[in-house]
Amino acid sequence: MGIDWRERSEEIWTVPNLVTVARLPLFLLLVATLNTLWQYPVFALIVVTDGLDGWLARRLDQATELGAVLDPAFDKLIALLLVAVLFPRTDLAVEYLALFFLRDGFILLLGLSTPLLAMESEDIKASFFGKAVTNVQFVSMVAMLVSHTAATQVSMFLVGFLSAVAVADYVVYAGRVMTVRGFFESRRAAVGVYVVVFLLFGLLVRLLLVTQLRSTLDLFL
């Protein structure tokens, strides 16, 4: 049975997918316009396209399996690229990046240790705390864009705090999933395993950021 390439191409070249991919050239345009007034509308376009592709997929009934993969993949890629370009505009130590990527790093860690959970890792981002992390990450990127070091510093730690809460929520969710799937005899045992992983990960972050935490607290003291 042959592959219907026309049907396949229609799934690839959809309006939502094109909007998703358009974020990459928009990012390159942002790099070219940094330190000019054009950086602000270009950054705004990147933000708009982040939600526009999903809305168009629903509105035009063009949701595809490829789009379901492309959208979150480009979300992560563009966030990484934006931070890589904007973070040096602040005077913060590079260790602060551990806070920005705390949630995604922990999800990746769980996904590597338990591949089954990697298939369901978007659930934490759909939760209340997961969405809160995403929103504050956006605020921190805006602070980086305007080169406001103090605002970036505070928002980074707020991202870290909300990420810790979101990850704790995900630990409970992971324990429930792995119990239902029969990998653990009880939910308590499953949650216990992931709590240990969470604590080890948190210890690593604390060791990286103990000095930065003190300097941030000094802003309020």
C-alpha atoms as a PDB file:
ATOM      1  CA  MET A   1       0.000   0.000   0.000  1.00  0.00           C
ATOM      2  CA  GLY A   2       1.602   3.259  -1.171  1.00  0.00           C
ATOM      3  CA  ILE A   3       1.861   6.506   0.740  1.00  0.00           C
ATOM      4  CA  ASP A   4      -0.488   9.275  -0.311  1.00  0.00           C
ATOM      5  CA  TRP A   5       2.099  12.048  -0.546  1.00  0.00           C
ATOM      6  CA  ARG A   6      -0.514  14.645  -1.493  1.00  0.00           C
ATOM      7  CA  GLU A   7      -2.395  13.954   1.725  1.00  0.00           C
ATOM      8  CA  ARG A   8       0.865  13.997   3.669  1.00  0.00           C
ATOM      9  CA  SER A   9       1.871  17.346   2.172  1.00  0.00           C
ATOM     10  CA  GLU A  10      -1.506  18.808   3.116  1.00  0.00           C
ATOM     11  CA  GLU A  11      -0.825  17.798   6.724  1.00  0.00           C
ATOM     12  CA  ILE A  12       2.594  19.465   6.629  1.00  0.00           C
ATOM     13  CA  TRP A  13       1.820  22.721   4.828  1.00  0.00           C
ATOM     14  CA  THR A  14      -1.013  23.893   7.034  1.00  0.00           C
ATOM     15  CA  VAL A  15      -1.457  27.492   8.136  1.00  0.00           C
ATOM     16  CA  PRO A  16      -0.858  26.668  11.844  1.00  0.00           C
ATOM     17  CA  ASN A  17       2.358  24.781  11.044  1.00  0.00           C
ATOM     18  CA  LEU A  18       3.624  27.670   8.912  1.00  0.00           C
ATOM     19  CA  VAL A  19       2.908  30.091  11.761  1.00  0.00           C
ATOM     20  CA  THR A  20       4.785  27.789  14.144  1.00  0.00           C
ATOM     21  CA  VAL A  21       7.850  27.590  11.898  1.00  0.00           C
ATOM     22  CA  ALA A  22       7.703  31.358  11.268  1.00  0.00           C
ATOM     23  CA  ARG A  23       8.925  31.891  14.826  1.00  0.00           C
ATOM     24  CA  LEU A  24      12.445  30.893  13.764  1.00  0.00           C
ATOM     25  CA  PRO A  25      12.932  33.632  11.115  1.00  0.00           C
ATOM     26  CA  LEU A  26      11.242  36.060  13.521  1.00  0.00           C
ATOM     27  CA  PHE A  27      13.858  35.154  16.108  1.00  0.00           C
ATOM     28  CA  LEU A  28      16.628  35.851  13.578  1.00  0.00           C
ATOM     29  CA  LEU A  29      14.969  39.192  12.862  1.00  0.00           C
ATOM     30  CA  LEU A  30      14.960  39.928  16.603  1.00  0.00           C
ATOM     31  CA  VAL A  31      18.692  39.264  16.762  1.00  0.00           C
ATOM     32  CA  ALA A  32      19.212  41.654  13.852  1.00  0.00           C
ATOM     33  CA  THR A  33      17.132  44.393  15.500  1.00  0.00           C
ATOM     34  CA  LEU A  34      18.446  44.130  19.081  1.00  0.00           C
ATOM     35  CA  ASN A  35      19.228  47.487  20.705  1.00  0.00           C
ATOM     36  CA  THR A  36      16.853  49.255  18.322  1.00  0.00           C
ATOM     37  CA  LEU A  37      13.188  50.172  18.732  1.00  0.00           C
ATOM     38  CA  TRP A  38      12.305  47.401  16.263  1.00  0.00           C
ATOM     39  CA  GLN A  39      13.192  44.755  18.840  1.00  0.00           C
ATOM     40  CA  TYR A  40       9.926  45.391  20.690  1.00  0.00           C
ATOM     41  CA  PRO A  41       7.414  44.779  17.859  1.00  0.00           C
ATOM     42  CA  VAL A  42       9.452  41.797  16.652  1.00  0.00           C
ATOM     43  CA  PHE A  43       9.442  40.292  20.150  1.00  0.00           C
ATOM     44  CA  ALA A  44       5.693  40.953  20.337  1.00  0.00           C
ATOM     45  CA  LEU A  45       5.200  39.071  17.056  1.00  0.00           C
ATOM     46  CA  ILE A  46       7.083  36.079  18.440  1.00  0.00           C
ATOM     47  CA  VAL A  47       4.825  36.091  21.494  1.00  0.00           C
ATOM     48  CA  VAL A  48       1.663  36.406  19.380  1.00  0.00           C
ATOM     49  CA  THR A  49       2.613  33.520  17.097  1.00  0.00           C
ATOM     50  CA  ASP A  50       3.200  31.369  20.188  1.00  0.00           C
ATOM     51  CA  GLY A  51      -0.553  31.242  20.800  1.00  0.00           C
ATOM     52  CA  LEU A  52      -1.780  31.990  17.301  1.00  0.00           C
ATOM     53  CA  ASP A  53      -0.789  28.633  15.808  1.00  0.00           C
ATOM     54  CA  GLY A  54      -2.875  26.668  18.310  1.00  0.00           C
ATOM     55  CA  TRP A  55      -5.851  28.984  17.857  1.00  0.00           C
ATOM     56  CA  LEU A  56      -5.656  28.673  14.064  1.00  0.00           C
ATOM     57  CA  ALA A  57      -5.418  24.887  14.291  1.00  0.00           C
ATOM     58  CA  ARG A  58      -8.712  24.819  16.190  1.00  0.00           C
ATOM     59  CA  ARG A  59     -10.371  27.583  14.183  1.00  0.00           C
ATOM     60  CA  LEU A  60      -9.457  26.154  10.769  1.00  0.00           C
ATOM     61  CA  ASP A  61      -9.813  22.536  11.877  1.00  0.00           C
ATOM     62  CA  GLN A  62      -6.204  21.901  10.844  1.00  0.00           C
ATOM     63  CA  ALA A  63      -4.923  20.115  13.933  1.00  0.00           C
ATOM     64  CA  THR A  64      -2.403  17.452  12.854  1.00  0.00           C
ATOM     65  CA  GLU A  65      -0.044  15.012  14.532  1.00  0.00           C
ATOM     66  CA  LEU A  66       2.887  16.956  13.101  1.00  0.00           C
ATOM     67  CA  GLY A  67       1.531  20.194  14.527  1.00  0.00           C
ATOM     68  CA  ALA A  68       1.109  18.597  17.945  1.00  0.00           C
ATOM     69  CA  VAL A  69       4.841  17.796  17.871  1.00  0.00           C
ATOM     70  CA  LEU A  70       6.077  20.987  16.187  1.00  0.00           C
ATOM     71  CA  ASP A  71       4.338  23.456  18.495  1.00  0.00           C
ATOM     72  CA  PRO A  72       5.854  22.335  21.840  1.00  0.00           C
ATOM     73  CA  ALA A  73       9.200  21.622  20.146  1.00  0.00           C
ATOM     74  CA  PHE A  74       9.380  25.171  18.776  1.00  0.00           C
ATOM     75  CA  ASP A  75       8.171  26.541  22.127  1.00  0.00           C
ATOM     76  CA  LYS A  76      11.218  25.009  23.815  1.00  0.00           C
ATOM     77  CA  LEU A  77      13.610  25.915  20.986  1.00  0.00           C
ATOM     78  CA  ILE A  78      12.544  29.558  20.771  1.00  0.00           C
ATOM     79  CA  ALA A  79      12.559  29.960  24.570  1.00  0.00           C
ATOM     80  CA  LEU A  80      16.092  28.558  24.674  1.00  0.00           C
ATOM     81  CA  LEU A  81      17.273  30.805  21.843  1.00  0.00           C
ATOM     82  CA  LEU A  82      15.625  33.903  23.327  1.00  0.00           C
ATOM     83  CA  VAL A  83      17.213  33.350  26.716  1.00  0.00           C
ATOM     84  CA  ALA A  84      20.602  32.648  25.100  1.00  0.00           C
ATOM     85  CA  VAL A  85      20.446  36.001  23.301  1.00  0.00           C
ATOM     86  CA  LEU A  86      18.711  38.147  25.941  1.00  0.00           C
ATOM     87  CA  PHE A  87      20.259  36.881  29.182  1.00  0.00           C
ATOM     88  CA  PRO A  88      23.733  38.352  28.474  1.00  0.00           C
ATOM     89  CA  ARG A  89      22.053  41.802  28.457  1.00  0.00           C
ATOM     90  CA  THR A  90      21.720  41.462  32.241  1.00  0.00           C
ATOM     91  CA  ASP A  91      24.537  41.448  34.772  1.00  0.00           C
ATOM     92  CA  LEU A  92      23.449  38.175  36.362  1.00  0.00           C
ATOM     93  CA  ALA A  93      25.598  35.086  36.810  1.00  0.00           C
ATOM     94  CA  VAL A  94      24.916  32.259  34.390  1.00  0.00           C
ATOM     95  CA  GLU A  95      23.764  30.047  37.284  1.00  0.00           C
ATOM     96  CA  TYR A  96      20.441  31.911  37.253  1.00  0.00           C
ATOM     97  CA  LEU A  97      19.549  29.982  34.116  1.00  0.00           C
ATOM     98  CA  ALA A  98      19.098  26.914  36.326  1.00  0.00           C
ATOM     99  CA  LEU A  99      16.010  28.613  37.773  1.00  0.00           C
ATOM    100  CA  PHE A 100      14.566  29.437  34.364  1.00  0.00           C
ATOM    101  CA  PHE A 101      14.840  25.847  33.150  1.00  0.00           C
ATOM    102  CA  LEU A 102      14.145  24.152  36.508  1.00  0.00           C
ATOM    103  CA  ARG A 103      10.784  22.712  35.525  1.00  0.00           C
ATOM    104  CA  ASP A 104      11.786  21.585  32.037  1.00  0.00           C
ATOM    105  CA  GLY A 105      15.036  20.131  33.363  1.00  0.00           C
ATOM    106  CA  PHE A 106      13.205  18.070  35.954  1.00  0.00           C
ATOM    107  CA  ILE A 107      10.651  16.846  33.408  1.00  0.00           C
ATOM    108  CA  LEU A 108      13.523  15.849  31.122  1.00  0.00           C
ATOM    109  CA  LEU A 109      15.162  14.016  34.017  1.00  0.00           C
ATOM    110  CA  LEU A 110      11.978  12.096  34.742  1.00  0.00           C
ATOM    111  CA  GLY A 111      11.473  11.389  31.057  1.00  0.00           C
ATOM    112  CA  LEU A 112      14.961   9.911  30.766  1.00  0.00           C
ATOM    113  CA  SER A 113      14.534   7.815  33.906  1.00  0.00           C
ATOM    114  CA  THR A 114      10.983   6.771  33.039  1.00  0.00           C
ATOM    115  CA  PRO A 115      10.395   6.973  29.255  1.00  0.00           C
ATOM    116  CA  LEU A 116       6.681   6.283  29.692  1.00  0.00           C
ATOM    117  CA  LEU A 117       6.259   9.644  31.439  1.00  0.00           C
ATOM    118  CA  ALA A 118       7.910  11.485  28.571  1.00  0.00           C
ATOM    119  CA  MET A 119       4.781  10.786  26.537  1.00  0.00           C
ATOM    120  CA  GLU A 120       2.680  12.672  29.093  1.00  0.00           C
ATOM    121  CA  SER A 121       5.079  15.455  30.116  1.00  0.00           C
ATOM    122  CA  GLU A 122       2.828  18.189  28.704  1.00  0.00           C
ATOM    123  CA  ASP A 123       0.291  17.558  31.483  1.00  0.00           C
ATOM    124  CA  ILE A 124       2.318  19.526  34.012  1.00  0.00           C
ATOM    125  CA  LYS A 125       2.420  22.515  31.678  1.00  0.00           C
ATOM    126  CA  ALA A 126      -1.362  22.371  31.301  1.00  0.00           C
ATOM    127  CA  SER A 127      -1.831  22.541  35.071  1.00  0.00           C
ATOM    128  CA  PHE A 128      -2.386  25.814  36.931  1.00  0.00           C
ATOM    129  CA  PHE A 129       1.168  25.964  38.256  1.00  0.00           C
ATOM    130  CA  GLY A 130       2.592  24.844  34.925  1.00  0.00           C
ATOM    131  CA  LYS A 131       0.851  27.748  33.178  1.00  0.00           C
ATOM    132  CA  ALA A 132       2.003  30.102  35.927  1.00  0.00           C
ATOM    133  CA  VAL A 133       5.619  29.069  35.298  1.00  0.00           C
ATOM    134  CA  THR A 134       5.225  29.725  31.576  1.00  0.00           C
ATOM    135  CA  ASN A 135       3.717  33.177  32.202  1.00  0.00           C
ATOM    136  CA  VAL A 136       6.463  34.241  34.620  1.00  0.00           C
ATOM    137  CA  GLN A 137       9.098  32.914  32.210  1.00  0.00           C
ATOM    138  CA  PHE A 138       7.613  35.326  29.683  1.00  0.00           C
ATOM    139  CA  VAL A 139       7.840  38.184  32.204  1.00  0.00           C
ATOM    140  CA  SER A 140      11.491  37.368  32.856  1.00  0.00           C
ATOM    141  CA  MET A 141      12.237  37.421  29.119  1.00  0.00           C
ATOM    142  CA  VAL A 142      10.601  40.847  28.840  1.00  0.00           C
ATOM    143  CA  ALA A 143      12.815  42.011  31.722  1.00  0.00           C
ATOM    144  CA  MET A 144      15.843  40.679  29.850  1.00  0.00           C
ATOM    145  CA  LEU A 145      14.714  42.438  26.669  1.00  0.00           C
ATOM    146  CA  VAL A 146      14.629  45.821  28.410  1.00  0.00           C
ATOM    147  CA  SER A 147      17.898  44.988  30.213  1.00  0.00           C
ATOM    148  CA  HIS A 148      16.359  45.372  33.678  1.00  0.00           C
ATOM    149  CA  THR A 149      18.671  43.264  35.828  1.00  0.00           C
ATOM    150  CA  ALA A 150      16.747  43.545  39.118  1.00  0.00           C
ATOM    151  CA  ALA A 151      13.415  42.615  37.498  1.00  0.00           C
ATOM    152  CA  THR A 152      15.073  39.673  35.762  1.00  0.00           C
ATOM    153  CA  GLN A 153      16.622  38.560  39.036  1.00  0.00           C
ATOM    154  CA  VAL A 154      13.331  38.613  40.954  1.00  0.00           C
ATOM    155  CA  SER A 155      11.298  37.035  38.148  1.00  0.00           C
ATOM    156  CA  MET A 156      13.887  34.258  37.774  1.00  0.00           C
ATOM    157  CA  PHE A 157      13.489  33.295  41.422  1.00  0.00           C
ATOM    158  CA  LEU A 158       9.701  33.479  41.090  1.00  0.00           C
ATOM    159  CA  VAL A 159      10.012  31.096  38.134  1.00  0.00           C
ATOM    160  CA  GLY A 160      12.110  28.815  40.331  1.00  0.00           C
ATOM    161  CA  PHE A 161       9.582  28.879  43.191  1.00  0.00           C
ATOM    162  CA  LEU A 162       6.593  28.184  40.939  1.00  0.00           C
ATOM    163  CA  SER A 163       8.592  25.493  39.139  1.00  0.00           C
ATOM    164  CA  ALA A 164       9.238  23.753  42.457  1.00  0.00           C
ATOM    165  CA  VAL A 165       5.492  23.774  43.218  1.00  0.00           C
ATOM    166  CA  ALA A 166       4.658  22.599  39.691  1.00  0.00           C
ATOM    167  CA  VAL A 167       7.224  19.808  39.891  1.00  0.00           C
ATOM    168  CA  ALA A 168       5.876  18.699  43.284  1.00  0.00           C
ATOM    169  CA  ASP A 169       2.436  18.498  41.673  1.00  0.00           C
ATOM    170  CA  TYR A 170       3.947  16.519  38.811  1.00  0.00           C
ATOM    171  CA  VAL A 171       5.610  14.126  41.273  1.00  0.00           C
ATOM    172  CA  VAL A 172       2.177  13.231  42.634  1.00  0.00           C
ATOM    173  CA  TYR A 173       0.840  12.881  39.089  1.00  0.00           C
ATOM    174  CA  ALA A 174       3.783  10.697  38.057  1.00  0.00           C
ATOM    175  CA  GLY A 175       3.245   8.464  41.071  1.00  0.00           C
ATOM    176  CA  ARG A 176      -0.407   8.036  40.159  1.00  0.00           C
ATOM    177  CA  VAL A 177       0.383   7.228  36.517  1.00  0.00           C
ATOM    178  CA  MET A 178       3.088   4.709  37.358  1.00  0.00           C
ATOM    179  CA  THR A 179       0.867   3.019  39.943  1.00  0.00           C
ATOM    180  CA  VAL A 180      -2.021   2.675  37.506  1.00  0.00           C
ATOM    181  CA  ARG A 181       0.352   1.286  34.879  1.00  0.00           C
ATOM    182  CA  GLY A 182       1.558  -1.335  37.345  1.00  0.00           C
ATOM    183  CA  PHE A 183       5.151  -0.148  37.740  1.00  0.00           C
ATOM    184  CA  PHE A 184       4.703   0.276  41.502  1.00  0.00           C
ATOM    185  CA  GLU A 185       2.566  -1.660  43.961  1.00  0.00           C
ATOM    186  CA  SER A 186       1.267   1.475  45.662  1.00  0.00           C
ATOM    187  CA  ARG A 187       1.025   5.161  44.898  1.00  0.00           C
ATOM    188  CA  ARG A 188       2.925   5.947  48.088  1.00  0.00           C
ATOM    189  CA  ALA A 189       5.933   3.958  46.870  1.00  0.00           C
ATOM    190  CA  ALA A 190       5.819   5.632  43.469  1.00  0.00           C
ATOM    191  CA  VAL A 191       5.553   9.129  44.915  1.00  0.00           C
ATOM    192  CA  GLY A 192       8.370   8.304  47.336  1.00  0.00           C
ATOM    193  CA  VAL A 193      10.714   7.426  44.490  1.00  0.00           C
ATOM    194  CA  TYR A 194       9.979  10.635  42.607  1.00  0.00           C
ATOM    195  CA  VAL A 195      10.206  12.744  45.769  1.00  0.00           C
ATOM    196  CA  VAL A 196      13.750  11.457  46.234  1.00  0.00           C
ATOM    197  CA  VAL A 197      14.572  12.392  42.633  1.00  0.00           C
ATOM    198  CA  PHE A 198      13.009  15.818  43.205  1.00  0.00           C
ATOM    199  CA  LEU A 199      15.011  16.425  46.392  1.00  0.00           C
ATOM    200  CA  LEU A 200      18.273  15.441  44.717  1.00  0.00           C
ATOM    201  CA  PHE A 201      17.509  17.774  41.838  1.00  0.00           C
ATOM    202  CA  GLY A 202      16.581  20.559  44.263  1.00  0.00           C
ATOM    203  CA  LEU A 203      19.826  20.059  46.173  1.00  0.00           C
ATOM    204  CA  LEU A 204      21.793  20.487  42.962  1.00  0.00           C
ATOM    205  CA  VAL A 205      19.962  23.725  42.149  1.00  0.00           C
ATOM    206  CA  ARG A 206      20.502  25.014  45.693  1.00  0.00           C
ATOM    207  CA  LEU A 207      24.234  24.356  45.474  1.00  0.00           C
ATOM    208  CA  LEU A 208      24.348  26.269  42.211  1.00  0.00           C
ATOM    209  CA  LEU A 209      22.345  29.239  43.424  1.00  0.00           C
ATOM    210  CA  VAL A 210      23.062  29.778  47.117  1.00  0.00           C
ATOM    211  CA  THR A 211      25.101  32.930  46.407  1.00  0.00           C
ATOM    212  CA  GLN A 212      22.568  34.260  43.899  1.00  0.00           C
ATOM    213  CA  LEU A 213      19.712  33.744  46.382  1.00  0.00           C
ATOM    214  CA  ARG A 214      21.481  35.902  48.945  1.00  0.00           C
ATOM    215  CA  SER A 215      22.047  38.708  46.456  1.00  0.00           C
ATOM    216  CA  THR A 216      18.373  38.622  45.440  1.00  0.00           C
ATOM    217  CA  LEU A 217      17.199  38.782  49.055  1.00  0.00           C
ATOM    218  CA  ASP A 218      19.428  41.830  49.498  1.00  0.00           C
ATOM    219  CA  LEU A 219      17.128  43.677  47.085  1.00  0.00           C
ATOM    220  CA  PHE A 220      14.355  43.526  49.689  1.00  0.00           C
ATOM    221  CA  LEU A 221      16.437  43.987  52.854  1.00  0.00           C
END
